[in-house]
Amino acid sequence: DLLALLVEATPRVVPKRELHERLWPGGTVTDATLVALVKQ
């Protein structure tokens, strides 16, 4: 899902806030969770 968002947006930089809202709608996760997902 993260890759799909980045492919859809290329070459735009996708802000962290937008990624949080679209990957975890209605949820609350920290930046560390997003960083771990990017590493994966």
PDB file of all heavy atoms in Angstrom:
ATOM      1  N   ASP A   1       0.835  -1.204   0.000  1.00  0.00           N
ATOM      2  CA  ASP A   1       0.000   0.000   0.000  1.00  0.00           C
ATOM      3  C   ASP A   1       0.874   1.260   0.000  1.00  0.00           C
ATOM      4  O   ASP A   1       0.552   2.244  -0.685  1.00  0.00           O
ATOM      5  CB  ASP A   1      -0.913   0.017   1.223  1.00  0.00           C
ATOM      6  CG  ASP A   1      -1.976  -1.084   1.170  1.00  0.00           C
ATOM      7  OD1 ASP A   1      -2.233  -1.602   0.076  1.00  0.00           O
ATOM      8  OD2 ASP A   1      -2.522  -1.419   2.235  1.00  0.00           O
ATOM      9  N   LEU A   2       1.969   1.238   0.749  1.00  0.00           N
ATOM     10  CA  LEU A   2       2.886   2.378   0.772  1.00  0.00           C
ATOM     11  C   LEU A   2       3.492   2.598  -0.607  1.00  0.00           C
ATOM     12  O   LEU A   2       3.541   3.728  -1.107  1.00  0.00           O
ATOM     13  CB  LEU A   2       3.991   2.140   1.805  1.00  0.00           C
ATOM     14  CG  LEU A   2       5.160   3.136   1.788  1.00  0.00           C
ATOM     15  CD1 LEU A   2       4.670   4.559   2.043  1.00  0.00           C
ATOM     16  CD2 LEU A   2       6.213   2.735   2.818  1.00  0.00           C
ATOM     17  N   LEU A   3       3.948   1.527  -1.236  1.00  0.00           N
ATOM     18  CA  LEU A   3       4.528   1.652  -2.568  1.00  0.00           C
ATOM     19  C   LEU A   3       3.497   2.181  -3.555  1.00  0.00           C
ATOM     20  O   LEU A   3       3.816   3.035  -4.403  1.00  0.00           O
ATOM     21  CB  LEU A   3       5.058   0.298  -3.039  1.00  0.00           C
ATOM     22  CG  LEU A   3       5.674   0.281  -4.447  1.00  0.00           C
ATOM     23  CD1 LEU A   3       6.849   1.246  -4.545  1.00  0.00           C
ATOM     24  CD2 LEU A   3       6.100  -1.125  -4.830  1.00  0.00           C
ATOM     25  N   ALA A   4       2.265   1.711  -3.453  1.00  0.00           N
ATOM     26  CA  ALA A   4       1.210   2.178  -4.354  1.00  0.00           C
ATOM     27  C   ALA A   4       1.005   3.683  -4.230  1.00  0.00           C
ATOM     28  O   ALA A   4       0.829   4.387  -5.238  1.00  0.00           O
ATOM     29  CB  ALA A   4      -0.092   1.428  -4.065  1.00  0.00           C
ATOM     30  N   LEU A   5       1.061   4.192  -3.015  1.00  0.00           N
ATOM     31  CA  LEU A   5       0.911   5.633  -2.807  1.00  0.00           C
ATOM     32  C   LEU A   5       2.072   6.404  -3.419  1.00  0.00           C
ATOM     33  O   LEU A   5       1.875   7.452  -4.043  1.00  0.00           O
ATOM     34  CB  LEU A   5       0.821   5.935  -1.308  1.00  0.00           C
ATOM     35  CG  LEU A   5      -0.453   5.479  -0.592  1.00  0.00           C
ATOM     36  CD1 LEU A   5      -0.347   5.747   0.903  1.00  0.00           C
ATOM     37  CD2 LEU A   5      -1.672   6.178  -1.170  1.00  0.00           C
ATOM     38  N   LEU A   6       3.278   5.889  -3.270  1.00  0.00           N
ATOM     39  CA  LEU A   6       4.449   6.576  -3.811  1.00  0.00           C
ATOM     40  C   LEU A   6       4.460   6.532  -5.338  1.00  0.00           C
ATOM     41  O   LEU A   6       4.831   7.509  -5.995  1.00  0.00           O
ATOM     42  CB  LEU A   6       5.725   5.949  -3.248  1.00  0.00           C
ATOM     43  CG  LEU A   6       5.926   6.083  -1.741  1.00  0.00           C
ATOM     44  CD1 LEU A   6       7.188   5.345  -1.302  1.00  0.00           C
ATOM     45  CD2 LEU A   6       6.004   7.547  -1.325  1.00  0.00           C
ATOM     46  N   VAL A   7       4.058   5.383  -5.905  1.00  0.00           N
ATOM     47  CA  VAL A   7       3.985   5.268  -7.372  1.00  0.00           C
ATOM     48  C   VAL A   7       2.944   6.236  -7.912  1.00  0.00           C
ATOM     49  O   VAL A   7       3.171   6.931  -8.910  1.00  0.00           O
ATOM     50  CB  VAL A   7       3.641   3.820  -7.784  1.00  0.00           C
ATOM     51  CG1 VAL A   7       3.301   3.744  -9.263  1.00  0.00           C
ATOM     52  CG2 VAL A   7       4.810   2.893  -7.483  1.00  0.00           C
ATOM     53  N   GLU A   8       1.805   6.286  -7.260  1.00  0.00           N
ATOM     54  CA  GLU A   8       0.716   7.169  -7.696  1.00  0.00           C
ATOM     55  C   GLU A   8       1.140   8.644  -7.670  1.00  0.00           C
ATOM     56  O   GLU A   8       0.766   9.418  -8.555  1.00  0.00           O
ATOM     57  CB  GLU A   8      -0.493   6.963  -6.775  1.00  0.00           C
ATOM     58  CG  GLU A   8      -1.667   7.892  -7.036  1.00  0.00           C
ATOM     59  CD  GLU A   8      -2.749   7.759  -5.972  1.00  0.00           C
ATOM     60  OE1 GLU A   8      -2.884   6.658  -5.396  1.00  0.00           O
ATOM     61  OE2 GLU A   8      -3.445   8.755  -5.716  1.00  0.00           O
ATOM     62  N   ALA A   9       1.942   8.996  -6.684  1.00  0.00           N
ATOM     63  CA  ALA A   9       2.309  10.404  -6.492  1.00  0.00           C
ATOM     64  C   ALA A   9       3.554  10.836  -7.269  1.00  0.00           C
ATOM     65  O   ALA A   9       3.800  12.028  -7.420  1.00  0.00           O
ATOM     66  CB  ALA A   9       2.529  10.679  -5.004  1.00  0.00           C
ATOM     67  N   THR A  10       4.380   9.870  -7.725  1.00  0.00           N
ATOM     68  CA  THR A  10       5.658  10.221  -8.332  1.00  0.00           C
ATOM     69  C   THR A  10       5.525  11.300  -9.406  1.00  0.00           C
ATOM     70  O   THR A  10       4.566  11.280 -10.183  1.00  0.00           O
ATOM     71  CB  THR A  10       6.324   8.950  -8.933  1.00  0.00           C
ATOM     72  OG1 THR A  10       7.628   9.262  -9.354  1.00  0.00           O
ATOM     73  CG2 THR A  10       5.554   8.410 -10.125  1.00  0.00           C
ATOM     74  N   PRO A  11       6.418  12.301  -9.420  1.00  0.00           N
ATOM     75  CA  PRO A  11       7.627  12.457  -8.599  1.00  0.00           C
ATOM     76  C   PRO A  11       7.412  13.315  -7.345  1.00  0.00           C
ATOM     77  O   PRO A  11       8.364  13.740  -6.717  1.00  0.00           O
ATOM     78  CB  PRO A  11       8.573  13.168  -9.571  1.00  0.00           C
ATOM     79  CG  PRO A  11       7.660  14.059 -10.354  1.00  0.00           C
ATOM     80  CD  PRO A  11       6.381  13.279 -10.530  1.00  0.00           C
ATOM     81  N   ARG A  12       6.162  13.532  -6.992  1.00  0.00           N
ATOM     82  CA  ARG A  12       5.865  14.383  -5.836  1.00  0.00           C
ATOM     83  C   ARG A  12       6.343  13.746  -4.531  1.00  0.00           C
ATOM     84  O   ARG A  12       6.281  12.535  -4.368  1.00  0.00           O
ATOM     85  CB  ARG A  12       4.351  14.618  -5.768  1.00  0.00           C
ATOM     86  CG  ARG A  12       3.879  15.454  -4.577  1.00  0.00           C
ATOM     87  CD  ARG A  12       2.393  15.752  -4.698  1.00  0.00           C
ATOM     88  NE  ARG A  12       1.564  14.572  -4.549  1.00  0.00           N
ATOM     89  CZ  ARG A  12       1.078  14.141  -3.387  1.00  0.00           C
ATOM     90  NH1 ARG A  12       1.404  14.776  -2.252  1.00  0.00           N
ATOM     91  NH2 ARG A  12       0.299  13.074  -3.341  1.00  0.00           N
ATOM     92  N   VAL A  13       6.814  14.583  -3.625  1.00  0.00           N
ATOM     93  CA  VAL A  13       7.140  14.125  -2.278  1.00  0.00           C
ATOM     94  C   VAL A  13       5.836  14.009  -1.490  1.00  0.00           C
ATOM     95  O   VAL A  13       5.060  14.966  -1.403  1.00  0.00           O
ATOM     96  CB  VAL A  13       8.092  15.110  -1.561  1.00  0.00           C
ATOM     97  CG1 VAL A  13       8.354  14.655  -0.127  1.00  0.00           C
ATOM     98  CG2 VAL A  13       9.406  15.239  -2.324  1.00  0.00           C
ATOM     99  N   VAL A  14       5.584  12.817  -0.944  1.00  0.00           N
ATOM    100  CA  VAL A  14       4.346  12.596  -0.187  1.00  0.00           C
ATOM    101  C   VAL A  14       4.619  12.902   1.276  1.00  0.00           C
ATOM    102  O   VAL A  14       5.456  12.246   1.907  1.00  0.00           O
ATOM    103  CB  VAL A  14       3.847  11.147  -0.330  1.00  0.00           C
ATOM    104  CG1 VAL A  14       2.492  10.986   0.354  1.00  0.00           C
ATOM    105  CG2 VAL A  14       3.741  10.760  -1.801  1.00  0.00           C
ATOM    106  N   PRO A  15       3.945  13.910   1.851  1.00  0.00           N
ATOM    107  CA  PRO A  15       4.192  14.256   3.252  1.00  0.00           C
ATOM    108  C   PRO A  15       3.846  13.108   4.197  1.00  0.00           C
ATOM    109  O   PRO A  15       2.955  12.298   3.921  1.00  0.00           O
ATOM    110  CB  PRO A  15       3.255  15.456   3.482  1.00  0.00           C
ATOM    111  CG  PRO A  15       2.967  15.997   2.114  1.00  0.00           C
ATOM    112  CD  PRO A  15       2.965  14.800   1.209  1.00  0.00           C
ATOM    113  N   LYS A  16       4.541  13.064   5.322  1.00  0.00           N
ATOM    114  CA  LYS A  16       4.281  12.028   6.319  1.00  0.00           C
ATOM    115  C   LYS A  16       2.822  12.037   6.764  1.00  0.00           C
ATOM    116  O   LYS A  16       2.204  10.977   6.932  1.00  0.00           O
ATOM    117  CB  LYS A  16       5.180  12.232   7.528  1.00  0.00           C
ATOM    118  CG  LYS A  16       6.661  12.030   7.273  1.00  0.00           C
ATOM    119  CD  LYS A  16       7.443  12.263   8.552  1.00  0.00           C
ATOM    120  CE  LYS A  16       8.936  12.147   8.327  1.00  0.00           C
ATOM    121  NZ  LYS A  16       9.691  12.427   9.572  1.00  0.00           N
ATOM    122  N   ARG A  17       2.295  13.219   6.943  1.00  0.00           N
ATOM    123  CA  ARG A  17       0.920  13.315   7.426  1.00  0.00           C
ATOM    124  C   ARG A  17      -0.051  12.653   6.450  1.00  0.00           C
ATOM    125  O   ARG A  17      -0.977  11.935   6.864  1.00  0.00           O
ATOM    126  CB  ARG A  17       0.538  14.786   7.625  1.00  0.00           C
ATOM    127  CG  ARG A  17      -0.874  14.987   8.165  1.00  0.00           C
ATOM    128  CD  ARG A  17      -1.148  16.442   8.456  1.00  0.00           C
ATOM    129  NE  ARG A  17      -2.495  16.648   8.964  1.00  0.00           N
ATOM    130  CZ  ARG A  17      -2.987  17.817   9.345  1.00  0.00           C
ATOM    131  NH1 ARG A  17      -2.205  18.891   9.295  1.00  0.00           N
ATOM    132  NH2 ARG A  17      -4.217  17.920   9.779  1.00  0.00           N
ATOM    133  N   GLU A  18       0.164  12.876   5.154  1.00  0.00           N
ATOM    134  CA  GLU A  18      -0.691  12.258   4.143  1.00  0.00           C
ATOM    135  C   GLU A  18      -0.552  10.738   4.167  1.00  0.00           C
ATOM    136  O   GLU A  18      -1.544  10.008   4.035  1.00  0.00           O
ATOM    137  CB  GLU A  18      -0.349  12.798   2.754  1.00  0.00           C
ATOM    138  CG  GLU A  18      -1.204  12.208   1.640  1.00  0.00           C
ATOM    139  CD  GLU A  18      -0.855  12.770   0.276  1.00  0.00           C
ATOM    140  OE1 GLU A  18      -0.253  13.869   0.211  1.00  0.00           O
ATOM    141  OE2 GLU A  18      -1.178  12.111  -0.739  1.00  0.00           O
ATOM    142  N   LEU A  19       0.675  10.248   4.331  1.00  0.00           N
ATOM    143  CA  LEU A  19       0.895   8.811   4.393  1.00  0.00           C
ATOM    144  C   LEU A  19       0.200   8.201   5.599  1.00  0.00           C
ATOM    145  O   LEU A  19      -0.422   7.133   5.511  1.00  0.00           O
ATOM    146  CB  LEU A  19       2.396   8.511   4.426  1.00  0.00           C
ATOM    147  CG  LEU A  19       3.168   8.823   3.134  1.00  0.00           C
ATOM    148  CD1 LEU A  19       4.661   8.657   3.350  1.00  0.00           C
ATOM    149  CD2 LEU A  19       2.688   7.916   1.999  1.00  0.00           C
ATOM    150  N   HIS A  20       0.312   8.877   6.742  1.00  0.00           N
ATOM    151  CA  HIS A  20      -0.379   8.390   7.951  1.00  0.00           C
ATOM    152  C   HIS A  20      -1.880   8.302   7.715  1.00  0.00           C
ATOM    153  O   HIS A  20      -2.522   7.294   8.070  1.00  0.00           O
ATOM    154  CB  HIS A  20      -0.092   9.334   9.122  1.00  0.00           C
ATOM    155  CG  HIS A  20       1.221   9.100   9.793  1.00  0.00           C
ATOM    156  ND1 HIS A  20       1.446   8.011  10.606  1.00  0.00           N
ATOM    157  CD2 HIS A  20       2.377   9.807   9.775  1.00  0.00           C
ATOM    158  CE1 HIS A  20       2.687   8.062  11.070  1.00  0.00           C
ATOM    159  NE2 HIS A  20       3.280   9.146  10.572  1.00  0.00           N
ATOM    160  N   GLU A  21      -2.462   9.344   7.113  1.00  0.00           N
ATOM    161  CA  GLU A  21      -3.911   9.396   6.941  1.00  0.00           C
ATOM    162  C   GLU A  21      -4.406   8.323   5.977  1.00  0.00           C
ATOM    163  O   GLU A  21      -5.491   7.766   6.155  1.00  0.00           O
ATOM    164  CB  GLU A  21      -4.314  10.787   6.436  1.00  0.00           C
ATOM    165  CG  GLU A  21      -4.133  11.886   7.471  1.00  0.00           C
ATOM    166  CD  GLU A  21      -4.406  13.268   6.897  1.00  0.00           C
ATOM    167  OE1 GLU A  21      -4.542  13.380   5.647  1.00  0.00           O
ATOM    168  OE2 GLU A  21      -4.479  14.234   7.673  1.00  0.00           O
ATOM    169  N   ARG A  22      -3.602   8.025   4.948  1.00  0.00           N
ATOM    170  CA  ARG A  22      -4.054   7.079   3.927  1.00  0.00           C
ATOM    171  C   ARG A  22      -3.709   5.625   4.270  1.00  0.00           C
ATOM    172  O   ARG A  22      -4.418   4.705   3.858  1.00  0.00           O
ATOM    173  CB  ARG A  22      -3.475   7.469   2.570  1.00  0.00           C
ATOM    174  CG  ARG A  22      -3.963   8.848   2.104  1.00  0.00           C
ATOM    175  CD  ARG A  22      -3.506   9.169   0.714  1.00  0.00           C
ATOM    176  NE  ARG A  22      -4.078   8.253  -0.284  1.00  0.00           N
ATOM    177  CZ  ARG A  22      -3.856   8.355  -1.592  1.00  0.00           C
ATOM    178  NH1 ARG A  22      -3.075   9.324  -2.045  1.00  0.00           N
ATOM    179  NH2 ARG A  22      -4.394   7.504  -2.438  1.00  0.00           N
ATOM    180  N   LEU A  23      -2.627   5.432   5.001  1.00  0.00           N
ATOM    181  CA  LEU A  23      -2.247   4.067   5.371  1.00  0.00           C
ATOM    182  C   LEU A  23      -2.960   3.583   6.626  1.00  0.00           C
ATOM    183  O   LEU A  23      -3.256   2.392   6.752  1.00  0.00           O
ATOM    184  CB  LEU A  23      -0.729   3.987   5.566  1.00  0.00           C
ATOM    185  CG  LEU A  23       0.123   4.116   4.302  1.00  0.00           C
ATOM    186  CD1 LEU A  23       1.599   4.236   4.665  1.00  0.00           C
ATOM    187  CD2 LEU A  23      -0.089   2.920   3.376  1.00  0.00           C
ATOM    188  N   TRP A  24      -3.203   4.504   7.546  1.00  0.00           N
ATOM    189  CA  TRP A  24      -3.852   4.136   8.804  1.00  0.00           C
ATOM    190  C   TRP A  24      -5.022   5.085   9.064  1.00  0.00           C
ATOM    191  O   TRP A  24      -5.014   5.855  10.036  1.00  0.00           O
ATOM    192  CB  TRP A  24      -2.863   4.196   9.961  1.00  0.00           C
ATOM    193  CG  TRP A  24      -1.725   3.232   9.832  1.00  0.00           C
ATOM    194  CD1 TRP A  24      -1.739   1.900  10.106  1.00  0.00           C
ATOM    195  CD2 TRP A  24      -0.393   3.524   9.366  1.00  0.00           C
ATOM    196  NE1 TRP A  24      -0.508   1.339   9.863  1.00  0.00           N
ATOM    197  CE2 TRP A  24       0.348   2.305   9.410  1.00  0.00           C
ATOM    198  CE3 TRP A  24       0.261   4.679   8.932  1.00  0.00           C
ATOM    199  CZ2 TRP A  24       1.683   2.229   9.024  1.00  0.00           C
ATOM    200  CZ3 TRP A  24       1.588   4.611   8.541  1.00  0.00           C
ATOM    201  CH2 TRP A  24       2.285   3.398   8.583  1.00  0.00           C
ATOM    202  N   PRO A  25      -6.041   5.083   8.206  1.00  0.00           N
ATOM    203  CA  PRO A  25      -7.165   6.015   8.384  1.00  0.00           C
ATOM    204  C   PRO A  25      -7.871   5.783   9.718  1.00  0.00           C
ATOM    205  O   PRO A  25      -8.232   4.666  10.062  1.00  0.00           O
ATOM    206  CB  PRO A  25      -8.088   5.689   7.197  1.00  0.00           C
ATOM    207  CG  PRO A  25      -7.710   4.296   6.790  1.00  0.00           C
ATOM    208  CD  PRO A  25      -6.247   4.170   7.065  1.00  0.00           C
ATOM    209  N   GLY A  26      -8.025   6.872  10.445  1.00  0.00           N
ATOM    210  CA  GLY A  26      -8.695   6.781  11.734  1.00  0.00           C
ATOM    211  C   GLY A  26      -7.850   6.210  12.837  1.00  0.00           C
ATOM    212  O   GLY A  26      -8.282   6.142  13.990  1.00  0.00           O
ATOM    213  N   GLY A  27      -6.615   5.798  12.510  1.00  0.00           N
ATOM    214  CA  GLY A  27      -5.740   5.223  13.526  1.00  0.00           C
ATOM    215  C   GLY A  27      -4.702   6.218  13.997  1.00  0.00           C
ATOM    216  O   GLY A  27      -4.537   7.297  13.430  1.00  0.00           O
ATOM    217  N   THR A  28      -3.994   5.826  15.026  1.00  0.00           N
ATOM    218  CA  THR A  28      -2.935   6.671  15.573  1.00  0.00           C
ATOM    219  C   THR A  28      -1.665   5.852  15.661  1.00  0.00           C
ATOM    220  O   THR A  28      -1.570   4.913  16.454  1.00  0.00           O
ATOM    221  CB  THR A  28      -3.308   7.202  16.969  1.00  0.00           C
ATOM    222  OG1 THR A  28      -4.536   7.923  16.891  1.00  0.00           O
ATOM    223  CG2 THR A  28      -2.206   8.124  17.493  1.00  0.00           C
ATOM    224  N   VAL A  29      -0.696   6.200  14.823  1.00  0.00           N
ATOM    225  CA  VAL A  29       0.598   5.524  14.845  1.00  0.00           C
ATOM    226  C   VAL A  29       1.684   6.583  14.885  1.00  0.00           C
ATOM    227  O   VAL A  29       1.485   7.731  14.489  1.00  0.00           O
ATOM    228  CB  VAL A  29       0.797   4.617  13.613  1.00  0.00           C
ATOM    229  CG1 VAL A  29      -0.228   3.505  13.577  1.00  0.00           C
ATOM    230  CG2 VAL A  29       0.733   5.420  12.323  1.00  0.00           C
ATOM    231  N   THR A  30       2.853   6.195  15.333  1.00  0.00           N
ATOM    232  CA  THR A  30       3.960   7.132  15.422  1.00  0.00           C
ATOM    233  C   THR A  30       4.757   7.139  14.123  1.00  0.00           C
ATOM    234  O   THR A  30       4.619   6.268  13.264  1.00  0.00           O
ATOM    235  CB  THR A  30       4.903   6.728  16.567  1.00  0.00           C
ATOM    236  OG1 THR A  30       5.503   5.459  16.251  1.00  0.00           O
ATOM    237  CG2 THR A  30       4.142   6.612  17.878  1.00  0.00           C
ATOM    238  N   ASP A  31       5.633   8.147  13.995  1.00  0.00           N
ATOM    239  CA  ASP A  31       6.515   8.207  12.832  1.00  0.00           C
ATOM    240  C   ASP A  31       7.424   6.985  12.769  1.00  0.00           C
ATOM    241  O   ASP A  31       7.843   6.563  11.687  1.00  0.00           O
ATOM    242  CB  ASP A  31       7.369   9.483  12.874  1.00  0.00           C
ATOM    243  CG  ASP A  31       6.619  10.695  12.336  1.00  0.00           C
ATOM    244  OD1 ASP A  31       5.527  10.503  11.770  1.00  0.00           O
ATOM    245  OD2 ASP A  31       7.128  11.823  12.472  1.00  0.00           O
ATOM    246  N   ALA A  32       7.738   6.427  13.924  1.00  0.00           N
ATOM    247  CA  ALA A  32       8.605   5.251  13.960  1.00  0.00           C
ATOM    248  C   ALA A  32       7.979   4.084  13.194  1.00  0.00           C
ATOM    249  O   ALA A  32       8.683   3.295  12.555  1.00  0.00           O
ATOM    250  CB  ALA A  32       8.888   4.849  15.401  1.00  0.00           C
ATOM    251  N   THR A  33       6.656   3.975  13.246  1.00  0.00           N
ATOM    252  CA  THR A  33       5.959   2.911  12.510  1.00  0.00           C
ATOM    253  C   THR A  33       6.113   3.108  11.017  1.00  0.00           C
ATOM    254  O   THR A  33       6.353   2.153  10.267  1.00  0.00           O
ATOM    255  CB  THR A  33       4.471   2.893  12.884  1.00  0.00           C
ATOM    256  OG1 THR A  33       4.334   2.724  14.298  1.00  0.00           O
ATOM    257  CG2 THR A  33       3.748   1.772  12.174  1.00  0.00           C
ATOM    258  N   LEU A  34       5.989   4.357  10.569  1.00  0.00           N
ATOM    259  CA  LEU A  34       6.159   4.662   9.149  1.00  0.00           C
ATOM    260  C   LEU A  34       7.598   4.407   8.713  1.00  0.00           C
ATOM    261  O   LEU A  34       7.842   3.832   7.647  1.00  0.00           O
ATOM    262  CB  LEU A  34       5.763   6.110   8.875  1.00  0.00           C
ATOM    263  CG  LEU A  34       5.937   6.593   7.428  1.00  0.00           C
ATOM    264  CD1 LEU A  34       5.120   5.741   6.464  1.00  0.00           C
ATOM    265  CD2 LEU A  34       5.540   8.066   7.312  1.00  0.00           C
ATOM    266  N   VAL A  35       8.559   4.816   9.529  1.00  0.00           N
ATOM    267  CA  VAL A  35       9.972   4.593   9.216  1.00  0.00           C
ATOM    268  C   VAL A  35      10.261   3.100   9.078  1.00  0.00           C
ATOM    269  O   VAL A  35      10.971   2.664   8.160  1.00  0.00           O
ATOM    270  CB  VAL A  35      10.874   5.227  10.291  1.00  0.00           C
ATOM    271  CG1 VAL A  35      12.328   4.777  10.108  1.00  0.00           C
ATOM    272  CG2 VAL A  35      10.789   6.746  10.226  1.00  0.00           C
ATOM    273  N   ALA A  36       9.708   2.301   9.977  1.00  0.00           N
ATOM    274  CA  ALA A  36       9.910   0.856   9.923  1.00  0.00           C
ATOM    275  C   ALA A  36       9.308   0.270   8.651  1.00  0.00           C
ATOM    276  O   ALA A  36       9.873  -0.653   8.040  1.00  0.00           O
ATOM    277  CB  ALA A  36       9.298   0.193  11.156  1.00  0.00           C
ATOM    278  N   LEU A  37       8.170   0.800   8.234  1.00  0.00           N
ATOM    279  CA  LEU A  37       7.523   0.316   7.015  1.00  0.00           C
ATOM    280  C   LEU A  37       8.362   0.673   5.780  1.00  0.00           C
ATOM    281  O   LEU A  37       8.496  -0.144   4.859  1.00  0.00           O
ATOM    282  CB  LEU A  37       6.123   0.921   6.905  1.00  0.00           C
ATOM    283  CG  LEU A  37       5.223   0.361   5.797  1.00  0.00           C
ATOM    284  CD1 LEU A  37       4.968  -1.123   6.002  1.00  0.00           C
ATOM    285  CD2 LEU A  37       3.894   1.129   5.765  1.00  0.00           C
ATOM    286  N   VAL A  38       8.931   1.861   5.765  1.00  0.00           N
ATOM    287  CA  VAL A  38       9.798   2.273   4.656  1.00  0.00           C
ATOM    288  C   VAL A  38      11.025   1.358   4.589  1.00  0.00           C
ATOM    289  O   VAL A  38      11.437   0.916   3.505  1.00  0.00           O
ATOM    290  CB  VAL A  38      10.228   3.739   4.808  1.00  0.00           C
ATOM    291  CG1 VAL A  38      11.316   4.096   3.780  1.00  0.00           C
ATOM    292  CG2 VAL A  38       9.034   4.672   4.640  1.00  0.00           C
ATOM    293  N   LYS A  39      11.610   1.034   5.734  1.00  0.00           N
ATOM    294  CA  LYS A  39      12.769   0.136   5.774  1.00  0.00           C
ATOM    295  C   LYS A  39      12.402  -1.246   5.235  1.00  0.00           C
ATOM    296  O   LYS A  39      13.170  -1.877   4.513  1.00  0.00           O
ATOM    297  CB  LYS A  39      13.302   0.023   7.201  1.00  0.00           C
ATOM    298  CG  LYS A  39      14.020   1.275   7.702  1.00  0.00           C
ATOM    299  CD  LYS A  39      14.543   1.069   9.118  1.00  0.00           C
ATOM    300  CE  LYS A  39      15.302   2.291   9.600  1.00  0.00           C
ATOM    301  NZ  LYS A  39      15.797   2.123  10.997  1.00  0.00           N
ATOM    302  N   GLN A  40      11.215  -1.713   5.593  1.00  0.00           N
ATOM    303  CA  GLN A  40      10.741  -3.014   5.119  1.00  0.00           C
ATOM    304  C   GLN A  40      10.602  -3.009   3.598  1.00  0.00           C
ATOM    305  O   GLN A  40      11.004  -3.980   2.921  1.00  0.00           O
ATOM    306  CB  GLN A  40       9.395  -3.318   5.774  1.00  0.00           C
ATOM    307  CG  GLN A  40       8.858  -4.699   5.499  1.00  0.00           C
ATOM    308  CD  GLN A  40       7.529  -4.935   6.193  1.00  0.00           C
ATOM    309  OE1 GLN A  40       6.591  -4.140   6.043  1.00  0.00           O
ATOM    310  NE2 GLN A  40       7.437  -6.000   6.959  1.00  0.00           N
TER     311      GLN A  40
END
